[in-house]
PDB file of N, CA and C in Angstrom:
ATOM      1  N   UNK A   1       0.617  -1.143   0.347  1.00  0.00           N
ATOM      2  CA  UNK A   1       0.383  -0.029  -0.055  1.00  0.00           C
ATOM      3  C   UNK A   1       1.247   1.023  -0.121  1.00  0.00           C
ATOM      4  N   UNK A   2       0.074   2.536  -0.202  1.00  0.00           N
ATOM      5  CA  UNK A   2       1.046   3.664  -0.436  1.00  0.00           C
ATOM      6  C   UNK A   2       1.456   4.339   0.993  1.00  0.00           C
ATOM      7  N   UNK A   3       2.545   4.349   1.713  1.00  0.00           N
ATOM      8  CA  UNK A   3       2.302   4.817   2.958  1.00  0.00           C
ATOM      9  C   UNK A   3       1.189   5.618   3.337  1.00  0.00           C
ATOM     10  N   UNK A   4       1.196   7.015   2.694  1.00  0.00           N
ATOM     11  CA  UNK A   4       0.720   8.085   2.632  1.00  0.00           C
ATOM     12  C   UNK A   4      -1.211   7.729   2.474  1.00  0.00           C
ATOM     13  N   UNK A   5      -1.590   7.005   2.271  1.00  0.00           N
ATOM     14  CA  UNK A   5      -2.615   6.307   1.697  1.00  0.00           C
ATOM     15  C   UNK A   5      -3.527   5.990   3.610  1.00  0.00           C
ATOM     16  N   UNK A   6      -2.062   4.912   4.126  1.00  0.00           N
ATOM     17  CA  UNK A   6      -2.301   4.301   5.254  1.00  0.00           C
ATOM     18  C   UNK A   6      -3.152   5.326   6.371  1.00  0.00           C
ATOM     19  N   UNK A   7      -2.242   6.692   5.848  1.00  0.00           N
ATOM     20  CA  UNK A   7      -2.086   8.113   6.913  1.00  0.00           C
ATOM     21  C   UNK A   7      -3.676   8.617   6.583  1.00  0.00           C
ATOM     22  N   UNK A   8      -3.918   8.724   4.940  1.00  0.00           N
ATOM     23  CA  UNK A   8      -5.358   9.727   5.089  1.00  0.00           C
ATOM     24  C   UNK A   8      -6.835   8.584   5.458  1.00  0.00           C
ATOM     25  N   UNK A   9      -6.320   7.635   5.176  1.00  0.00           N
ATOM     26  CA  UNK A   9      -7.737   6.909   5.685  1.00  0.00           C
ATOM     27  C   UNK A   9      -7.873   6.047   7.091  1.00  0.00           C
ATOM     28  N   UNK A  10      -7.060   6.650   8.094  1.00  0.00           N
ATOM     29  CA  UNK A  10      -7.061   6.356   9.587  1.00  0.00           C
ATOM     30  C   UNK A  10      -8.046   6.966  10.629  1.00  0.00           C
ATOM     31  N   UNK A  11      -8.052   6.910  11.573  1.00  0.00           N
ATOM     32  CA  UNK A  11      -9.101   8.156  12.002  1.00  0.00           C
ATOM     33  C   UNK A  11      -7.824   9.168  12.401  1.00  0.00           C
ATOM     34  N   UNK A  12      -8.462   9.886  13.342  1.00  0.00           N
ATOM     35  CA  UNK A  12      -7.658  10.478  13.702  1.00  0.00           C
ATOM     36  C   UNK A  12      -8.230  10.766  15.796  1.00  0.00           C
ATOM     37  N   UNK A  13      -8.993  10.098  16.248  1.00  0.00           N
ATOM     38  CA  UNK A  13      -9.487   9.951  17.179  1.00  0.00           C
ATOM     39  C   UNK A  13      -9.666   8.543  17.912  1.00  0.00           C
ATOM     40  N   UNK A  14      -8.757   7.303  17.196  1.00  0.00           N
ATOM     41  CA  UNK A  14      -8.718   6.639  17.863  1.00  0.00           C
ATOM     42  C   UNK A  14      -8.388   5.036  16.801  1.00  0.00           C
ATOM     43  N   UNK A  15      -7.799   3.905  17.253  1.00  0.00           N
ATOM     44  CA  UNK A  15      -6.712   3.579  16.875  1.00  0.00           C
ATOM     45  C   UNK A  15      -4.736   3.385  16.587  1.00  0.00           C
ATOM     46  N   UNK A  16      -4.294   2.843  15.795  1.00  0.00           N
ATOM     47  CA  UNK A  16      -3.135   3.102  15.331  1.00  0.00           C
ATOM     48  C   UNK A  16      -2.017   2.447  14.212  1.00  0.00           C
ATOM     49  N   UNK A  17      -1.636   3.506  13.995  1.00  0.00           N
ATOM     50  CA  UNK A  17      -0.372   3.361  12.863  1.00  0.00           C
ATOM     51  C   UNK A  17       0.526   2.070  12.941  1.00  0.00           C
ATOM     52  N   UNK A  18       0.808   1.472  12.737  1.00  0.00           N
ATOM     53  CA  UNK A  18       2.127   0.464  13.292  1.00  0.00           C
ATOM     54  C   UNK A  18       2.993   0.717  13.512  1.00  0.00           C
ATOM     55  N   UNK A  19       3.950   0.101  13.965  1.00  0.00           N
ATOM     56  CA  UNK A  19       5.408   1.111  13.254  1.00  0.00           C
ATOM     57  C   UNK A  19       6.966   0.969  12.331  1.00  0.00           C
ATOM     58  N   UNK A  20       6.052   0.233  11.978  1.00  0.00           N
ATOM     59  CA  UNK A  20       6.337  -0.130  10.440  1.00  0.00           C
ATOM     60  C   UNK A  20       6.144   1.087   9.069  1.00  0.00           C
ATOM     61  N   UNK A  21       5.092   1.685   9.241  1.00  0.00           N
ATOM     62  CA  UNK A  21       4.412   2.388   8.285  1.00  0.00           C
ATOM     63  C   UNK A  21       5.081   3.962   9.167  1.00  0.00           C
ATOM     64  N   UNK A  22       5.504   3.644   9.798  1.00  0.00           N
ATOM     65  CA  UNK A  22       5.704   5.218  10.827  1.00  0.00           C
ATOM     66  C   UNK A  22       7.312   5.886   9.722  1.00  0.00           C
ATOM     67  N   UNK A  23       7.930   5.458   9.672  1.00  0.00           N
ATOM     68  CA  UNK A  23       8.924   6.060   8.514  1.00  0.00           C
ATOM     69  C   UNK A  23       8.533   6.021   6.945  1.00  0.00           C
ATOM     70  N   UNK A  24       8.164   5.462   6.691  1.00  0.00           N
ATOM     71  CA  UNK A  24       7.711   5.506   5.049  1.00  0.00           C
ATOM     72  C   UNK A  24       6.596   6.847   5.096  1.00  0.00           C
ATOM     73  N   UNK A  25       5.552   6.449   6.175  1.00  0.00           N
ATOM     74  CA  UNK A  25       4.122   7.907   6.177  1.00  0.00           C
ATOM     75  C   UNK A  25       4.916   9.035   6.777  1.00  0.00           C
ATOM     76  N   UNK A  26       6.656   8.909   7.532  1.00  0.00           N
ATOM     77  CA  UNK A  26       7.034  10.171   7.851  1.00  0.00           C
ATOM     78  C   UNK A  26       7.324  10.608   6.040  1.00  0.00           C
ATOM     79  N   UNK A  27       8.171   9.973   5.209  1.00  0.00           N
ATOM     80  CA  UNK A  27       9.294  10.089   4.600  1.00  0.00           C
ATOM     81  C   UNK A  27       8.091  10.560   3.418  1.00  0.00           C
ATOM     82  N   UNK A  28       6.802   9.867   3.090  1.00  0.00           N
ATOM     83  CA  UNK A  28       6.047  10.851   2.435  1.00  0.00           C
ATOM     84  C   UNK A  28       5.591  12.316   2.467  1.00  0.00           C
ATOM     85  N   UNK A  29       4.695  12.643   3.925  1.00  0.00           N
ATOM     86  CA  UNK A  29       4.815  13.902   4.824  1.00  0.00           C
ATOM     87  C   UNK A  29       6.233  14.763   4.701  1.00  0.00           C
ATOM     88  N   UNK A  30       7.361  14.747   4.347  1.00  0.00           N
ATOM     89  CA  UNK A  30       8.533  15.950   4.370  1.00  0.00           C
ATOM     90  C   UNK A  30       7.849  15.612   2.682  1.00  0.00           C
ATOM     91  N   UNK A  31       7.644  14.986   1.816  1.00  0.00           N
ATOM     92  CA  UNK A  31       7.788  15.315   0.282  1.00  0.00           C
ATOM     93  C   UNK A  31       6.794  15.884   0.369  1.00  0.00           C
ATOM     94  N   UNK A  32       5.575  16.146   0.853  1.00  0.00           N
ATOM     95  CA  UNK A  32       4.436  16.601   0.420  1.00  0.00           C
ATOM     96  C   UNK A  32       5.102  18.033   1.609  1.00  0.00           C
ATOM     97  N   UNK A  33       5.693  18.140   1.892  1.00  0.00           N
ATOM     98  CA  UNK A  33       5.857  19.478   2.592  1.00  0.00           C
ATOM     99  C   UNK A  33       6.789  20.649   1.869  1.00  0.00           C
ATOM    100  N   UNK A  34       7.738  19.367   1.824  1.00  0.00           N
ATOM    101  CA  UNK A  34       8.060  20.558   0.550  1.00  0.00           C
ATOM    102  C   UNK A  34       7.691  21.303  -0.622  1.00  0.00           C
ATOM    103  N   UNK A  35       6.738  20.986  -0.817  1.00  0.00           N
ATOM    104  CA  UNK A  35       5.836  21.496  -2.076  1.00  0.00           C
ATOM    105  C   UNK A  35       4.939  22.937  -0.990  1.00  0.00           C
ATOM    106  N   UNK A  36       4.606  22.430  -0.041  1.00  0.00           N
ATOM    107  CA  UNK A  36       4.219  23.276   1.044  1.00  0.00           C
ATOM    108  C   UNK A  36       4.679  25.485   0.656  1.00  0.00           C
ATOM    109  N   UNK A  37       4.076  25.841   0.470  1.00  0.00           N
ATOM    110  CA  UNK A  37       5.017  27.152   0.001  1.00  0.00           C
ATOM    111  C   UNK A  37       4.557  27.895   1.915  1.00  0.00           C
ATOM    112  N   UNK A  38       6.305  27.942   1.402  1.00  0.00           N
ATOM    113  CA  UNK A  38       6.510  28.915   3.409  1.00  0.00           C
ATOM    114  C   UNK A  38       5.543  29.503   3.495  1.00  0.00           C
ATOM    115  N   UNK A  39       5.285  29.911   3.192  1.00  0.00           N
ATOM    116  CA  UNK A  39       4.016  31.076   3.867  1.00  0.00           C
ATOM    117  C   UNK A  39       3.097  31.419   3.113  1.00  0.00           C
ATOM    118  N   UNK A  40       2.011  31.649   3.843  1.00  0.00           N
ATOM    119  CA  UNK A  40       0.807  31.141   3.276  1.00  0.00           C
ATOM    120  C   UNK A  40      -0.304  30.581   3.492  1.00  0.00           C
ATOM    121  N   UNK A  41      -1.548  29.589   3.125  1.00  0.00           N
ATOM    122  CA  UNK A  41      -2.167  29.237   3.094  1.00  0.00           C
ATOM    123  C   UNK A  41      -1.759  27.793   4.830  1.00  0.00           C
ATOM    124  N   UNK A  42      -0.648  27.668   4.321  1.00  0.00           N
ATOM    125  CA  UNK A  42      -0.042  26.114   5.133  1.00  0.00           C
ATOM    126  C   UNK A  42       0.729  26.738   6.835  1.00  0.00           C
ATOM    127  N   UNK A  43       0.535  28.078   6.648  1.00  0.00           N
ATOM    128  CA  UNK A  43       1.830  28.403   7.481  1.00  0.00           C
ATOM    129  C   UNK A  43       1.465  27.290   8.891  1.00  0.00           C
ATOM    130  N   UNK A  44       0.126  27.239   9.193  1.00  0.00           N
ATOM    131  CA  UNK A  44      -0.237  26.589  10.701  1.00  0.00           C
ATOM    132  C   UNK A  44       0.057  25.660  10.395  1.00  0.00           C
ATOM    133  N   UNK A  45       0.047  24.424   9.277  1.00  0.00           N
ATOM    134  CA  UNK A  45      -0.044  23.284   9.176  1.00  0.00           C
ATOM    135  C   UNK A  45       1.598  22.562   9.254  1.00  0.00           C
ATOM    136  N   UNK A  46       2.453  24.054   9.348  1.00  0.00           N
ATOM    137  CA  UNK A  46       3.971  23.363   8.892  1.00  0.00           C
ATOM    138  C   UNK A  46       4.071  22.577   9.491  1.00  0.00           C
ATOM    139  N   UNK A  47       4.230  23.526  11.446  1.00  0.00           N
ATOM    140  CA  UNK A  47       4.950  23.129  12.517  1.00  0.00           C
ATOM    141  C   UNK A  47       4.113  21.264  12.821  1.00  0.00           C
ATOM    142  N   UNK A  48       2.583  22.069  12.861  1.00  0.00           N
ATOM    143  CA  UNK A  48       1.654  20.555  13.278  1.00  0.00           C
ATOM    144  C   UNK A  48       3.275  19.238  12.928  1.00  0.00           C
ATOM    145  N   UNK A  49       3.119  19.125  11.075  1.00  0.00           N
ATOM    146  CA  UNK A  49       3.497  18.654  10.930  1.00  0.00           C
ATOM    147  C   UNK A  49       4.947  18.218  10.743  1.00  0.00           C
ATOM    148  N   UNK A  50       5.697  18.719  10.910  1.00  0.00           N
ATOM    149  CA  UNK A  50       6.804  19.051  11.246  1.00  0.00           C
ATOM    150  C   UNK A  50       6.772  17.961  12.968  1.00  0.00           C
ATOM    151  N   UNK A  51       5.879  18.375  13.869  1.00  0.00           N
ATOM    152  CA  UNK A  51       5.897  17.754  15.476  1.00  0.00           C
ATOM    153  C   UNK A  51       5.599  16.169  14.353  1.00  0.00           C
ATOM    154  N   UNK A  52       4.815  15.569  13.921  1.00  0.00           N
ATOM    155  CA  UNK A  52       3.905  14.283  13.887  1.00  0.00           C
ATOM    156  C   UNK A  52       5.508  13.846  12.746  1.00  0.00           C
ATOM    157  N   UNK A  53       5.899  13.762  12.077  1.00  0.00           N
ATOM    158  CA  UNK A  53       6.867  13.646  11.604  1.00  0.00           C
ATOM    159  C   UNK A  53       8.037  13.432  12.426  1.00  0.00           C
ATOM    160  N   UNK A  54       8.128  14.189  13.737  1.00  0.00           N
ATOM    161  CA  UNK A  54       9.180  13.193  14.185  1.00  0.00           C
ATOM    162  C   UNK A  54       8.968  11.962  15.402  1.00  0.00           C
ATOM    163  N   UNK A  55       7.280  13.001  15.379  1.00  0.00           N
ATOM    164  CA  UNK A  55       6.830  11.789  16.485  1.00  0.00           C
ATOM    165  C   UNK A  55       6.612  10.347  15.491  1.00  0.00           C
ATOM    166  N   UNK A  56       6.687  10.309  14.062  1.00  0.00           N
ATOM    167  CA  UNK A  56       6.587   8.898  13.342  1.00  0.00           C
ATOM    168  C   UNK A  56       8.263   8.304  13.930  1.00  0.00           C
ATOM    169  N   UNK A  57       9.106   9.050  13.846  1.00  0.00           N
ATOM    170  CA  UNK A  57       9.781   8.910  13.321  1.00  0.00           C
ATOM    171  C   UNK A  57      10.558   8.059  14.781  1.00  0.00           C
ATOM    172  N   UNK A  58      10.807   8.588  15.894  1.00  0.00           N
ATOM    173  CA  UNK A  58      10.996   8.080  17.116  1.00  0.00           C
ATOM    174  C   UNK A  58      10.239   6.839  16.621  1.00  0.00           C
ATOM    175  N   UNK A  59       8.745   7.007  17.175  1.00  0.00           N
ATOM    176  CA  UNK A  59       8.067   5.644  16.587  1.00  0.00           C
ATOM    177  C   UNK A  59       8.546   4.643  16.545  1.00  0.00           C
ATOM    178  N   UNK A  60       8.604   4.647  14.860  1.00  0.00           N
ATOM    179  CA  UNK A  60      10.011   4.336  14.476  1.00  0.00           C
ATOM    180  C   UNK A  60      11.494   3.580  14.247  1.00  0.00           C
ATOM    181  N   UNK A  61      11.627   4.351  15.092  1.00  0.00           N
ATOM    182  CA  UNK A  61      13.180   3.898  15.818  1.00  0.00           C
ATOM    183  C   UNK A  61      12.514   3.065  16.790  1.00  0.00           C
ATOM    184  N   UNK A  62      11.797   3.587  17.994  1.00  0.00           N
ATOM    185  CA  UNK A  62      11.784   2.710  19.095  1.00  0.00           C
ATOM    186  C   UNK A  62      10.681   1.099  18.973  1.00  0.00           C
ATOM    187  N   UNK A  63      10.241   0.630  17.660  1.00  0.00           N
ATOM    188  CA  UNK A  63       9.968   0.130  17.217  1.00  0.00           C
ATOM    189  C   UNK A  63       7.957   0.014  17.845  1.00  0.00           C
ATOM    190  N   UNK A  64       7.368   0.599  17.563  1.00  0.00           N
ATOM    191  CA  UNK A  64       6.148   1.579  19.132  1.00  0.00           C
ATOM    192  C   UNK A  64       5.544   1.816  17.893  1.00  0.00           C
ATOM    193  N   UNK A  65       3.983   1.949  17.894  1.00  0.00           N
ATOM    194  CA  UNK A  65       2.862   2.266  16.886  1.00  0.00           C
ATOM    195  C   UNK A  65       2.497   3.672  17.302  1.00  0.00           C
ATOM    196  N   UNK A  66       2.105   4.078  16.273  1.00  0.00           N
ATOM    197  CA  UNK A  66       1.577   5.850  17.429  1.00  0.00           C
ATOM    198  C   UNK A  66      -0.143   5.797  16.920  1.00  0.00           C
ATOM    199  N   UNK A  67      -0.252   5.866  18.343  1.00  0.00           N
ATOM    200  CA  UNK A  67      -1.325   5.128  19.732  1.00  0.00           C
ATOM    201  C   UNK A  67      -2.385   6.093  19.250  1.00  0.00           C
ATOM    202  N   UNK A  68      -3.382   6.821  18.611  1.00  0.00           N
ATOM    203  CA  UNK A  68      -4.653   8.019  19.218  1.00  0.00           C
ATOM    204  C   UNK A  68      -5.782   7.342  19.668  1.00  0.00           C
ATOM    205  N   UNK A  69      -5.689   8.494  20.500  1.00  0.00           N
ATOM    206  CA  UNK A  69      -7.135   7.914  21.389  1.00  0.00           C
ATOM    207  C   UNK A  69      -7.213   9.226  22.779  1.00  0.00           C
TER     208      UNK A  69
END
């Protein structure tokens, strides 16, 4: 499956993303982040996306899922 699709289809308030998907999802988010303008519509999303990417990387490194709930 396409990693970003795992995130896009996932509930933001319950369940979990398996550790093995965290790194690939972080990679996909970083690729999208590069395409967002530095200023403008996505200003508020950039810091949150960077924090989520960092959390995904930590989860992947620790072999832990990202849990929503």
